[in-house]
All heavy atoms as atom14 arrays in JSON, in Angstrom:
{
  "sequence": "AFGRISVSAILALVLLGQAVAGLVVDQFGFFHMPKHPFTKQKLFGLFL",
  "atom14_mask": [
    [1, 1, 1, 1, 1, 0, 0, 0, 0, 0, 0, 0, 0, 0],
    [1, 1, 1, 1, 1, 1, 1, 1, 1, 1, 1, 0, 0, 0],
    [1, 1, 1, 1, 0, 0, 0, 0, 0, 0, 0, 0, 0, 0],
    [1, 1, 1, 1, 1, 1, 1, 1, 1, 1, 1, 0, 0, 0],
    [1, 1, 1, 1, 1, 1, 1, 1, 0, 0, 0, 0, 0, 0],
    [1, 1, 1, 1, 1, 1, 0, 0, 0, 0, 0, 0, 0, 0],
    [1, 1, 1, 1, 1, 1, 1, 0, 0, 0, 0, 0, 0, 0],
    [1, 1, 1, 1, 1, 1, 0, 0, 0, 0, 0, 0, 0, 0],
    [1, 1, 1, 1, 1, 0, 0, 0, 0, 0, 0, 0, 0, 0],
    [1, 1, 1, 1, 1, 1, 1, 1, 0, 0, 0, 0, 0, 0],
    [1, 1, 1, 1, 1, 1, 1, 1, 0, 0, 0, 0, 0, 0],
    [1, 1, 1, 1, 1, 0, 0, 0, 0, 0, 0, 0, 0, 0],
    [1, 1, 1, 1, 1, 1, 1, 1, 0, 0, 0, 0, 0, 0],
    [1, 1, 1, 1, 1, 1, 1, 0, 0, 0, 0, 0, 0, 0],
    [1, 1, 1, 1, 1, 1, 1, 1, 0, 0, 0, 0, 0, 0],
    [1, 1, 1, 1, 1, 1, 1, 1, 0, 0, 0, 0, 0, 0],
    [1, 1, 1, 1, 0, 0, 0, 0, 0, 0, 0, 0, 0, 0],
    [1, 1, 1, 1, 1, 1, 1, 1, 1, 0, 0, 0, 0, 0],
    [1, 1, 1, 1, 1, 0, 0, 0, 0, 0, 0, 0, 0, 0],
    [1, 1, 1, 1, 1, 1, 1, 0, 0, 0, 0, 0, 0, 0],
    [1, 1, 1, 1, 1, 0, 0, 0, 0, 0, 0, 0, 0, 0],
    [1, 1, 1, 1, 0, 0, 0, 0, 0, 0, 0, 0, 0, 0],
    [1, 1, 1, 1, 1, 1, 1, 1, 0, 0, 0, 0, 0, 0],
    [1, 1, 1, 1, 1, 1, 1, 0, 0, 0, 0, 0, 0, 0],
    [1, 1, 1, 1, 1, 1, 1, 0, 0, 0, 0, 0, 0, 0],
    [1, 1, 1, 1, 1, 1, 1, 1, 0, 0, 0, 0, 0, 0],
    [1, 1, 1, 1, 1, 1, 1, 1, 1, 0, 0, 0, 0, 0],
    [1, 1, 1, 1, 1, 1, 1, 1, 1, 1, 1, 0, 0, 0],
    [1, 1, 1, 1, 0, 0, 0, 0, 0, 0, 0, 0, 0, 0],
    [1, 1, 1, 1, 1, 1, 1, 1, 1, 1, 1, 0, 0, 0],
    [1, 1, 1, 1, 1, 1, 1, 1, 1, 1, 1, 0, 0, 0],
    [1, 1, 1, 1, 1, 1, 1, 1, 1, 1, 0, 0, 0, 0],
    [1, 1, 1, 1, 1, 1, 1, 1, 0, 0, 0, 0, 0, 0],
    [1, 1, 1, 1, 1, 1, 1, 0, 0, 0, 0, 0, 0, 0],
    [1, 1, 1, 1, 1, 1, 1, 1, 1, 0, 0, 0, 0, 0],
    [1, 1, 1, 1, 1, 1, 1, 1, 1, 1, 0, 0, 0, 0],
    [1, 1, 1, 1, 1, 1, 1, 0, 0, 0, 0, 0, 0, 0],
    [1, 1, 1, 1, 1, 1, 1, 1, 1, 1, 1, 0, 0, 0],
    [1, 1, 1, 1, 1, 1, 1, 0, 0, 0, 0, 0, 0, 0],
    [1, 1, 1, 1, 1, 1, 1, 1, 1, 0, 0, 0, 0, 0],
    [1, 1, 1, 1, 1, 1, 1, 1, 1, 0, 0, 0, 0, 0],
    [1, 1, 1, 1, 1, 1, 1, 1, 1, 0, 0, 0, 0, 0],
    [1, 1, 1, 1, 1, 1, 1, 1, 0, 0, 0, 0, 0, 0],
    [1, 1, 1, 1, 1, 1, 1, 1, 1, 1, 1, 0, 0, 0],
    [1, 1, 1, 1, 0, 0, 0, 0, 0, 0, 0, 0, 0, 0],
    [1, 1, 1, 1, 1, 1, 1, 1, 0, 0, 0, 0, 0, 0],
    [1, 1, 1, 1, 1, 1, 1, 1, 1, 1, 1, 0, 0, 0],
    [1, 1, 1, 1, 1, 1, 1, 1, 0, 0, 0, 0, 0, 0]
  ],
  "atom14_positions": [
    [[0.83, -1.22, 0.0], [0.0, 0.0, 0.0], [0.85, 1.27, 0.0], [0.43, 2.3, -0.5], [-0.93, 0.01, 1.21], [0.0, 0.0, 0.0], [0.0, 0.0, 0.0], [0.0, 0.0, 0.0], [0.0, 0.0, 0.0], [0.0, 0.0, 0.0], [0.0, 0.0, 0.0], [0.0, 0.0, 0.0], [0.0, 0.0, 0.0], [0.0, 0.0, 0.0]],
    [[2.07, 1.18, 0.56], [2.95, 2.35, 0.66], [3.27, 2.88, -0.74], [3.71, 2.15, -1.61], [4.24, 1.98, 1.38], [5.14, 3.16, 1.67], [4.9, 3.96, 2.78], [6.19, 3.47, 0.83], [5.73, 5.04, 3.06], [7.02, 4.54, 1.1], [6.79, 5.33, 2.21], [0.0, 0.0, 0.0], [0.0, 0.0, 0.0], [0.0, 0.0, 0.0]],
    [[3.04, 4.17, -0.94], [3.29, 4.79, -2.26], [2.03, 4.87, -3.11], [1.94, 5.71, -4.0], [0.0, 0.0, 0.0], [0.0, 0.0, 0.0], [0.0, 0.0, 0.0], [0.0, 0.0, 0.0], [0.0, 0.0, 0.0], [0.0, 0.0, 0.0], [0.0, 0.0, 0.0], [0.0, 0.0, 0.0], [0.0, 0.0, 0.0], [0.0, 0.0, 0.0]],
    [[1.07, 3.97, -2.85], [-0.19, 4.01, -3.59], [-1.2, 4.93, -2.91], [-2.02, 5.57, -3.57], [-0.78, 2.59, -3.72], [0.01, 1.68, -4.63], [-0.63, 0.29, -4.7], [-0.03, -0.53, -5.75], [1.06, -1.27, -5.58], [1.67, -1.27, -4.41], [1.54, -1.99, -6.57], [0.0, 0.0, 0.0], [0.0, 0.0, 0.0], [0.0, 0.0, 0.0]],
    [[-1.16, 4.95, -1.59], [-1.96, 5.9, -0.82], [-1.03, 6.55, 0.2], [0.05, 6.02, 0.5], [-3.15, 5.21, -0.12], [-2.69, 4.05, 0.76], [-4.17, 4.74, -1.13], [-3.81, 3.37, 1.51], [0.0, 0.0, 0.0], [0.0, 0.0, 0.0], [0.0, 0.0, 0.0], [0.0, 0.0, 0.0], [0.0, 0.0, 0.0], [0.0, 0.0, 0.0]],
    [[-1.43, 7.67, 0.75], [-0.57, 8.42, 1.67], [-0.35, 7.66, 2.96], [-1.13, 6.75, 3.32], [-1.17, 9.79, 1.97], [-2.35, 9.65, 2.74], [0.0, 0.0, 0.0], [0.0, 0.0, 0.0], [0.0, 0.0, 0.0], [0.0, 0.0, 0.0], [0.0, 0.0, 0.0], [0.0, 0.0, 0.0], [0.0, 0.0, 0.0], [0.0, 0.0, 0.0]],
    [[0.71, 8.04, 3.7], [0.98, 7.43, 4.99], [-0.22, 7.63, 5.93], [-0.63, 6.73, 6.65], [2.25, 8.03, 5.62], [2.43, 7.56, 7.06], [3.47, 7.65, 4.8], [0.0, 0.0, 0.0], [0.0, 0.0, 0.0], [0.0, 0.0, 0.0], [0.0, 0.0, 0.0], [0.0, 0.0, 0.0], [0.0, 0.0, 0.0], [0.0, 0.0, 0.0]],
    [[-0.79, 8.82, 5.9], [-1.93, 9.12, 6.78], [-3.14, 8.26, 6.4], [-3.89, 7.81, 7.27], [-2.3, 10.59, 6.7], [-1.23, 11.38, 7.18], [0.0, 0.0, 0.0], [0.0, 0.0, 0.0], [0.0, 0.0, 0.0], [0.0, 0.0, 0.0], [0.0, 0.0, 0.0], [0.0, 0.0, 0.0], [0.0, 0.0, 0.0], [0.0, 0.0, 0.0]],
    [[-3.36, 8.03, 5.09], [-4.47, 7.19, 4.66], [-4.25, 5.74, 5.11], [-5.19, 5.05, 5.52], [-4.64, 7.25, 3.14], [0.0, 0.0, 0.0], [0.0, 0.0, 0.0], [0.0, 0.0, 0.0], [0.0, 0.0, 0.0], [0.0, 0.0, 0.0], [0.0, 0.0, 0.0], [0.0, 0.0, 0.0], [0.0, 0.0, 0.0], [0.0, 0.0, 0.0]],
    [[-2.99, 5.27, 5.03], [-2.67, 3.94, 5.52], [-3.01, 3.83, 7.0], [-3.64, 2.85, 7.44], [-1.17, 3.62, 5.3], [-0.88, 3.43, 3.81], [-0.76, 2.37, 6.07], [0.59, 3.26, 3.49], [0.0, 0.0, 0.0], [0.0, 0.0, 0.0], [0.0, 0.0, 0.0], [0.0, 0.0, 0.0], [0.0, 0.0, 0.0], [0.0, 0.0, 0.0]],
    [[-2.62, 4.82, 7.78], [-2.88, 4.8, 9.21], [-4.38, 4.81, 9.5], [-4.85, 4.12, 10.39], [-2.21, 6.01, 9.88], [-0.68, 6.07, 9.77], [-0.16, 7.34, 10.42], [-0.04, 4.85, 10.4], [0.0, 0.0, 0.0], [0.0, 0.0, 0.0], [0.0, 0.0, 0.0], [0.0, 0.0, 0.0], [0.0, 0.0, 0.0], [0.0, 0.0, 0.0]],
    [[-5.14, 5.58, 8.72], [-6.59, 5.66, 8.93], [-7.25, 4.32, 8.65], [-8.12, 3.87, 9.42], [-7.19, 6.75, 8.03], [0.0, 0.0, 0.0], [0.0, 0.0, 0.0], [0.0, 0.0, 0.0], [0.0, 0.0, 0.0], [0.0, 0.0, 0.0], [0.0, 0.0, 0.0], [0.0, 0.0, 0.0], [0.0, 0.0, 0.0], [0.0, 0.0, 0.0]],
    [[-6.85, 3.67, 7.58], [-7.45, 2.39, 7.21], [-7.02, 1.28, 8.17], [-7.81, 0.37, 8.49], [-7.08, 2.03, 5.77], [-7.77, 2.88, 4.71], [-7.03, 2.83, 3.39], [-9.21, 2.41, 4.54], [0.0, 0.0, 0.0], [0.0, 0.0, 0.0], [0.0, 0.0, 0.0], [0.0, 0.0, 0.0], [0.0, 0.0, 0.0], [0.0, 0.0, 0.0]],
    [[-5.76, 1.33, 8.61], [-5.32, 0.37, 9.62], [-6.13, 0.55, 10.9], [-6.53, -0.42, 11.55], [-3.81, 0.55, 9.91], [-3.39, -0.25, 11.14], [-2.98, 0.1, 8.71], [0.0, 0.0, 0.0], [0.0, 0.0, 0.0], [0.0, 0.0, 0.0], [0.0, 0.0, 0.0], [0.0, 0.0, 0.0], [0.0, 0.0, 0.0], [0.0, 0.0, 0.0]],
    [[-6.4, 1.81, 11.25], [-7.22, 2.1, 12.42], [-8.6, 1.48, 12.26], [-9.14, 0.88, 13.19], [-7.32, 3.6, 12.64], [-8.37, 4.04, 13.68], [-8.02, 3.53, 15.06], [-8.55, 5.54, 13.7], [0.0, 0.0, 0.0], [0.0, 0.0, 0.0], [0.0, 0.0, 0.0], [0.0, 0.0, 0.0], [0.0, 0.0, 0.0], [0.0, 0.0, 0.0]],
    [[-9.2, 1.66, 11.07], [-10.54, 1.13, 10.84], [-10.56, -0.38, 11.04], [-11.45, -0.93, 11.7], [-11.01, 1.5, 9.44], [-12.42, 1.03, 9.06], [-13.45, 1.63, 10.01], [-12.74, 1.42, 7.61], [0.0, 0.0, 0.0], [0.0, 0.0, 0.0], [0.0, 0.0, 0.0], [0.0, 0.0, 0.0], [0.0, 0.0, 0.0], [0.0, 0.0, 0.0]],
    [[-9.59, -1.08, 10.46], [-9.5, -2.52, 10.63], [-9.3, -2.92, 12.08], [-9.94, -3.86, 12.6], [0.0, 0.0, 0.0], [0.0, 0.0, 0.0], [0.0, 0.0, 0.0], [0.0, 0.0, 0.0], [0.0, 0.0, 0.0], [0.0, 0.0, 0.0], [0.0, 0.0, 0.0], [0.0, 0.0, 0.0], [0.0, 0.0, 0.0], [0.0, 0.0, 0.0]],
    [[-8.42, -2.18, 12.78], [-8.16, -2.48, 14.19], [-9.39, -2.18, 15.05], [-9.68, -2.91, 16.01], [-6.99, -1.63, 14.69], [-5.64, -2.08, 14.16], [-4.52, -1.27, 14.79], [-4.04, -1.58, 15.87], [-4.1, -0.21, 14.1], [0.0, 0.0, 0.0], [0.0, 0.0, 0.0], [0.0, 0.0, 0.0], [0.0, 0.0, 0.0], [0.0, 0.0, 0.0]],
    [[-10.09, -1.08, 14.73], [-11.25, -0.7, 15.52], [-12.33, -1.77, 15.43], [-12.94, -2.16, 16.45], [-11.79, 0.64, 15.04], [0.0, 0.0, 0.0], [0.0, 0.0, 0.0], [0.0, 0.0, 0.0], [0.0, 0.0, 0.0], [0.0, 0.0, 0.0], [0.0, 0.0, 0.0], [0.0, 0.0, 0.0], [0.0, 0.0, 0.0], [0.0, 0.0, 0.0]],
    [[-12.58, -2.26, 14.22], [-13.59, -3.31, 14.03], [-13.18, -4.58, 14.8], [-13.99, -5.15, 15.54], [-13.76, -3.62, 12.53], [-14.64, -4.86, 12.34], [-14.38, -2.42, 11.79], [0.0, 0.0, 0.0], [0.0, 0.0, 0.0], [0.0, 0.0, 0.0], [0.0, 0.0, 0.0], [0.0, 0.0, 0.0], [0.0, 0.0, 0.0], [0.0, 0.0, 0.0]],
    [[-11.92, -5.01, 14.6], [-11.46, -6.21, 15.28], [-11.39, -6.01, 16.8], [-11.73, -6.91, 17.58], [-10.08, -6.61, 14.75], [0.0, 0.0, 0.0], [0.0, 0.0, 0.0], [0.0, 0.0, 0.0], [0.0, 0.0, 0.0], [0.0, 0.0, 0.0], [0.0, 0.0, 0.0], [0.0, 0.0, 0.0], [0.0, 0.0, 0.0], [0.0, 0.0, 0.0]],
    [[-10.98, -4.79, 17.22], [-10.88, -4.5, 18.63], [-12.21, -4.53, 19.35], [-12.34, -5.04, 20.47], [0.0, 0.0, 0.0], [0.0, 0.0, 0.0], [0.0, 0.0, 0.0], [0.0, 0.0, 0.0], [0.0, 0.0, 0.0], [0.0, 0.0, 0.0], [0.0, 0.0, 0.0], [0.0, 0.0, 0.0], [0.0, 0.0, 0.0], [0.0, 0.0, 0.0]],
    [[-13.26, -4.03, 18.69], [-14.61, -4.07, 19.27], [-15.07, -5.51, 19.46], [-15.72, -5.84, 20.47], [-15.58, -3.3, 18.38], [-15.5, -1.77, 18.44], [-16.38, -1.15, 17.37], [-15.93, -1.27, 19.83], [0.0, 0.0, 0.0], [0.0, 0.0, 0.0], [0.0, 0.0, 0.0], [0.0, 0.0, 0.0], [0.0, 0.0, 0.0], [0.0, 0.0, 0.0]],
    [[-14.76, -6.37, 18.47], [-15.16, -7.77, 18.55], [-14.42, -8.47, 19.68], [-15.02, -9.22, 20.48], [-14.9, -8.49, 17.21], [-15.15, -9.99, 17.34], [-15.78, -7.9, 16.1], [0.0, 0.0, 0.0], [0.0, 0.0, 0.0], [0.0, 0.0, 0.0], [0.0, 0.0, 0.0], [0.0, 0.0, 0.0], [0.0, 0.0, 0.0], [0.0, 0.0, 0.0]],
    [[-13.1, -8.24, 19.78], [-12.31, -8.85, 20.84], [-12.8, -8.38, 22.21], [-12.95, -9.18, 23.15], [-10.81, -8.5, 20.66], [-10.0, -8.92, 21.9], [-10.26, -9.2, 19.43], [0.0, 0.0, 0.0], [0.0, 0.0, 0.0], [0.0, 0.0, 0.0], [0.0, 0.0, 0.0], [0.0, 0.0, 0.0], [0.0, 0.0, 0.0], [0.0, 0.0, 0.0]],
    [[-13.08, -7.08, 22.35], [-13.57, -6.55, 23.62], [-14.92, -7.13, 23.99], [-15.19, -7.44, 25.16], [-13.68, -5.02, 23.54], [-12.33, -4.32, 23.7], [-11.38, -4.98, 24.14], [-12.23, -3.13, 23.35], [0.0, 0.0, 0.0], [0.0, 0.0, 0.0], [0.0, 0.0, 0.0], [0.0, 0.0, 0.0], [0.0, 0.0, 0.0], [0.0, 0.0, 0.0]],
    [[-15.78, -7.28, 23.0], [-17.15, -7.72, 23.26], [-17.2, -9.18, 23.73], [-17.93, -9.52, 24.64], [-18.0, -7.57, 21.98], [-19.47, -7.84, 22.17], [-20.16, -6.76, 23.0], [-19.77, -5.6, 22.98], [-21.18, -7.14, 23.74], [0.0, 0.0, 0.0], [0.0, 0.0, 0.0], [0.0, 0.0, 0.0], [0.0, 0.0, 0.0], [0.0, 0.0, 0.0]],
    [[-16.37, -10.03, 23.11], [-16.46, -11.46, 23.38], [-15.25, -12.0, 24.15], [-15.24, -13.17, 24.53], [-16.6, -12.22, 22.06], [-17.85, -11.86, 21.3], [-17.78, -11.02, 20.19], [-19.1, -12.34, 21.68], [-18.92, -10.68, 19.48], [-20.25, -12.02, 20.98], [-20.16, -11.17, 19.88], [0.0, 0.0, 0.0], [0.0, 0.0, 0.0], [0.0, 0.0, 0.0]],
    [[-14.22, -11.17, 24.37], [-13.06, -11.63, 25.13], [-12.25, -12.69, 24.42], [-11.7, -13.6, 25.07], [0.0, 0.0, 0.0], [0.0, 0.0, 0.0], [0.0, 0.0, 0.0], [0.0, 0.0, 0.0], [0.0, 0.0, 0.0], [0.0, 0.0, 0.0], [0.0, 0.0, 0.0], [0.0, 0.0, 0.0], [0.0, 0.0, 0.0], [0.0, 0.0, 0.0]],
    [[-12.16, -12.6, 23.09], [-11.37, -13.58, 22.34], [-9.9, -13.54, 22.77], [-9.41, -12.53, 23.26], [-11.45, -13.31, 20.84], [-12.8, -13.61, 20.24], [-13.32, -12.84, 19.22], [-13.55, -14.69, 20.68], [-14.55, -13.12, 18.65], [-14.8, -14.99, 20.14], [-15.29, -14.2, 19.12], [0.0, 0.0, 0.0], [0.0, 0.0, 0.0], [0.0, 0.0, 0.0]],
    [[-9.2, -14.65, 22.57], [-7.77, -14.81, 22.91], [-7.53, -14.61, 24.41], [-6.46, -14.18, 24.82], [-6.92, -13.82, 22.11], [-7.19, -13.82, 20.64], [-7.81, -12.74, 20.04], [-6.83, -14.91, 19.86], [-8.07, -12.74, 18.67], [-7.08, -14.91, 18.49], [-7.72, -13.83, 17.9], [0.0, 0.0, 0.0], [0.0, 0.0, 0.0], [0.0, 0.0, 0.0]],
    [[-8.56, -14.89, 25.22], [-8.45, -14.76, 26.69], [-8.21, -13.31, 27.12], [-7.68, -13.08, 28.21], [-7.35, -15.66, 27.24], [-7.57, -17.11, 26.96], [-8.43, -17.89, 27.7], [-7.02, -17.95, 26.03], [-8.41, -19.13, 27.23], [-7.57, -19.19, 26.21], [0.0, 0.0, 0.0], [0.0, 0.0, 0.0], [0.0, 0.0, 0.0], [0.0, 0.0, 0.0]],
    [[-8.59, -12.36, 26.29], [-8.46, -10.96, 26.65], [-9.63, -10.55, 27.55], [-10.72, -11.12, 27.46], [-8.43, -10.07, 25.4], [-7.2, -10.24, 24.52], [-5.69, -9.66, 25.31], [-4.86, -11.21, 25.62], [0.0, 0.0, 0.0], [0.0, 0.0, 0.0], [0.0, 0.0, 0.0], [0.0, 0.0, 0.0], [0.0, 0.0, 0.0], [0.0, 0.0, 0.0]],
    [[-9.43, -9.53, 28.43], [-10.55, -9.06, 29.27], [-11.71, -8.52, 28.43], [-11.48, -7.91, 27.38], [-9.89, -7.92, 30.08], [-8.43, -8.18, 30.02], [-8.17, -8.82, 28.69], [0.0, 0.0, 0.0], [0.0, 0.0, 0.0], [0.0, 0.0, 0.0], [0.0, 0.0, 0.0], [0.0, 0.0, 0.0], [0.0, 0.0, 0.0], [0.0, 0.0, 0.0]],
    [[-12.94, -8.77, 28.9], [-14.11, -8.29, 28.16], [-14.38, -6.82, 28.5], [-14.32, -6.42, 29.67], [-15.34, -9.13, 28.5], [-15.33, -10.53, 27.92], [-16.64, -11.25, 28.2], [-16.65, -12.64, 27.59], [-17.93, -13.34, 27.83], [0.0, 0.0, 0.0], [0.0, 0.0, 0.0], [0.0, 0.0, 0.0], [0.0, 0.0, 0.0], [0.0, 0.0, 0.0]],
    [[-14.69, -6.02, 27.47], [-15.07, -4.62, 27.63], [-16.27, -4.38, 26.71], [-16.11, -3.86, 25.61], [-13.93, -3.67, 27.28], [-12.69, -3.88, 28.11], [-12.52, -3.29, 29.35], [-11.57, -4.61, 27.86], [-11.35, -3.64, 29.84], [-10.73, -4.43, 28.96], [0.0, 0.0, 0.0], [0.0, 0.0, 0.0], [0.0, 0.0, 0.0], [0.0, 0.0, 0.0]],
    [[-17.48, -4.75, 27.16], [-18.66, -4.65, 26.28], [-18.92, -3.22, 25.81], [-18.74, -2.25, 26.58], [-19.82, -5.15, 27.16], [-19.15, -5.99, 28.21], [-17.83, -5.35, 28.46], [0.0, 0.0, 0.0], [0.0, 0.0, 0.0], [0.0, 0.0, 0.0], [0.0, 0.0, 0.0], [0.0, 0.0, 0.0], [0.0, 0.0, 0.0], [0.0, 0.0, 0.0]],
    [[-19.34, -3.08, 24.58], [-19.66, -1.77, 24.0], [-21.1, -1.41, 24.34], [-22.01, -2.24, 24.22], [-19.49, -1.8, 22.49], [-19.6, -0.45, 21.83], [-18.52, 0.42, 21.81], [-20.79, -0.05, 21.24], [-18.63, 1.66, 21.21], [-20.9, 1.19, 20.63], [-19.81, 2.05, 20.62], [0.0, 0.0, 0.0], [0.0, 0.0, 0.0], [0.0, 0.0, 0.0]],
    [[-21.31, -0.15, 24.8], [-22.65, 0.3, 25.17], [-23.15, 1.35, 24.19], [-22.37, 2.02, 23.52], [-22.63, 0.91, 26.59], [-21.73, 2.02, 26.62], [-22.17, -0.14, 27.61], [0.0, 0.0, 0.0], [0.0, 0.0, 0.0], [0.0, 0.0, 0.0], [0.0, 0.0, 0.0], [0.0, 0.0, 0.0], [0.0, 0.0, 0.0], [0.0, 0.0, 0.0]],
    [[-24.48, 1.5, 24.15], [-25.1, 2.44, 23.23], [-24.67, 3.88, 23.5], [-24.64, 4.72, 22.61], [-26.61, 2.33, 23.31], [-27.16, 1.02, 22.78], [-28.68, 0.98, 22.87], [-29.23, -0.33, 22.34], [-30.73, -0.39, 22.44], [0.0, 0.0, 0.0], [0.0, 0.0, 0.0], [0.0, 0.0, 0.0], [0.0, 0.0, 0.0], [0.0, 0.0, 0.0]],
    [[-24.32, 4.18, 24.77], [-23.93, 5.54, 25.12], [-22.67, 5.98, 24.39], [-22.39, 7.18, 24.29], [-23.71, 5.64, 26.65], [-24.99, 5.55, 27.46], [-25.45, 4.11, 27.69], [-24.82, 3.18, 27.19], [-26.54, 3.94, 28.43], [0.0, 0.0, 0.0], [0.0, 0.0, 0.0], [0.0, 0.0, 0.0], [0.0, 0.0, 0.0], [0.0, 0.0, 0.0]],
    [[-21.91, 5.0, 23.89], [-20.65, 5.34, 23.24], [-20.77, 5.54, 21.73], [-19.78, 5.75, 21.04], [-19.62, 4.22, 23.5], [-19.24, 4.06, 24.98], [-18.24, 2.94, 25.16], [-17.9, 2.73, 26.62], [-16.94, 1.61, 26.81], [0.0, 0.0, 0.0], [0.0, 0.0, 0.0], [0.0, 0.0, 0.0], [0.0, 0.0, 0.0], [0.0, 0.0, 0.0]],
    [[-22.01, 5.48, 21.22], [-22.22, 5.59, 19.78], [-21.78, 6.96, 19.25], [-21.24, 7.06, 18.14], [-23.69, 5.33, 19.43], [-24.14, 3.87, 19.49], [-25.63, 3.76, 19.24], [-23.38, 3.05, 18.45], [0.0, 0.0, 0.0], [0.0, 0.0, 0.0], [0.0, 0.0, 0.0], [0.0, 0.0, 0.0], [0.0, 0.0, 0.0], [0.0, 0.0, 0.0]],
    [[-22.01, 8.02, 20.03], [-21.61, 9.36, 19.57], [-20.1, 9.44, 19.43], [-19.59, 9.96, 18.44], [-22.11, 10.43, 20.54], [-21.68, 11.82, 20.15], [-22.21, 12.44, 19.03], [-20.73, 12.49, 20.91], [-21.79, 13.72, 18.65], [-20.32, 13.78, 20.56], [-20.85, 14.39, 19.43], [0.0, 0.0, 0.0], [0.0, 0.0, 0.0], [0.0, 0.0, 0.0]],
    [[-19.39, 8.9, 20.43], [-17.93, 8.87, 20.36], [-17.46, 8.06, 19.17], [-16.51, 8.44, 18.47], [0.0, 0.0, 0.0], [0.0, 0.0, 0.0], [0.0, 0.0, 0.0], [0.0, 0.0, 0.0], [0.0, 0.0, 0.0], [0.0, 0.0, 0.0], [0.0, 0.0, 0.0], [0.0, 0.0, 0.0], [0.0, 0.0, 0.0], [0.0, 0.0, 0.0]],
    [[-18.13, 6.93, 18.91], [-17.77, 6.08, 17.78], [-18.02, 6.81, 16.45], [-17.23, 6.7, 15.52], [-18.58, 4.78, 17.82], [-18.3, 3.77, 16.72], [-16.83, 3.32, 16.76], [-19.22, 2.55, 16.84], [0.0, 0.0, 0.0], [0.0, 0.0, 0.0], [0.0, 0.0, 0.0], [0.0, 0.0, 0.0], [0.0, 0.0, 0.0], [0.0, 0.0, 0.0]],
    [[-19.1, 7.59, 16.4], [-19.4, 8.37, 15.2], [-18.28, 9.38, 14.92], [-17.86, 9.55, 13.77], [-20.73, 9.09, 15.36], [-21.03, 10.05, 14.23], [-21.48, 9.58, 12.99], [-20.85, 11.42, 14.41], [-21.73, 10.46, 11.94], [-21.11, 12.3, 13.37], [-21.56, 11.82, 12.14], [0.0, 0.0, 0.0], [0.0, 0.0, 0.0], [0.0, 0.0, 0.0]],
    [[-17.8, 10.06, 15.95], [-16.7, 11.02, 15.79], [-15.45, 10.32, 15.27], [-14.74, 10.84, 14.4], [-16.39, 11.7, 17.13], [-17.43, 12.7, 17.65], [-17.02, 13.18, 19.04], [-17.57, 13.87, 16.69], [0.0, 0.0, 0.0], [0.0, 0.0, 0.0], [0.0, 0.0, 0.0], [0.0, 0.0, 0.0], [0.0, 0.0, 0.0], [0.0, 0.0, 0.0]]
  ]
}
């Protein structure tokens, strides 16, 4: 991807992939990680 899109765009898309996977890991505690369920009150923050 480097050179095809900007460094900042790479970081943004990596963040998007991590955010999606991170929410799933937090919700279900995959890989023996601590659970951190997502609540509706956080939707505004997620929108930002």
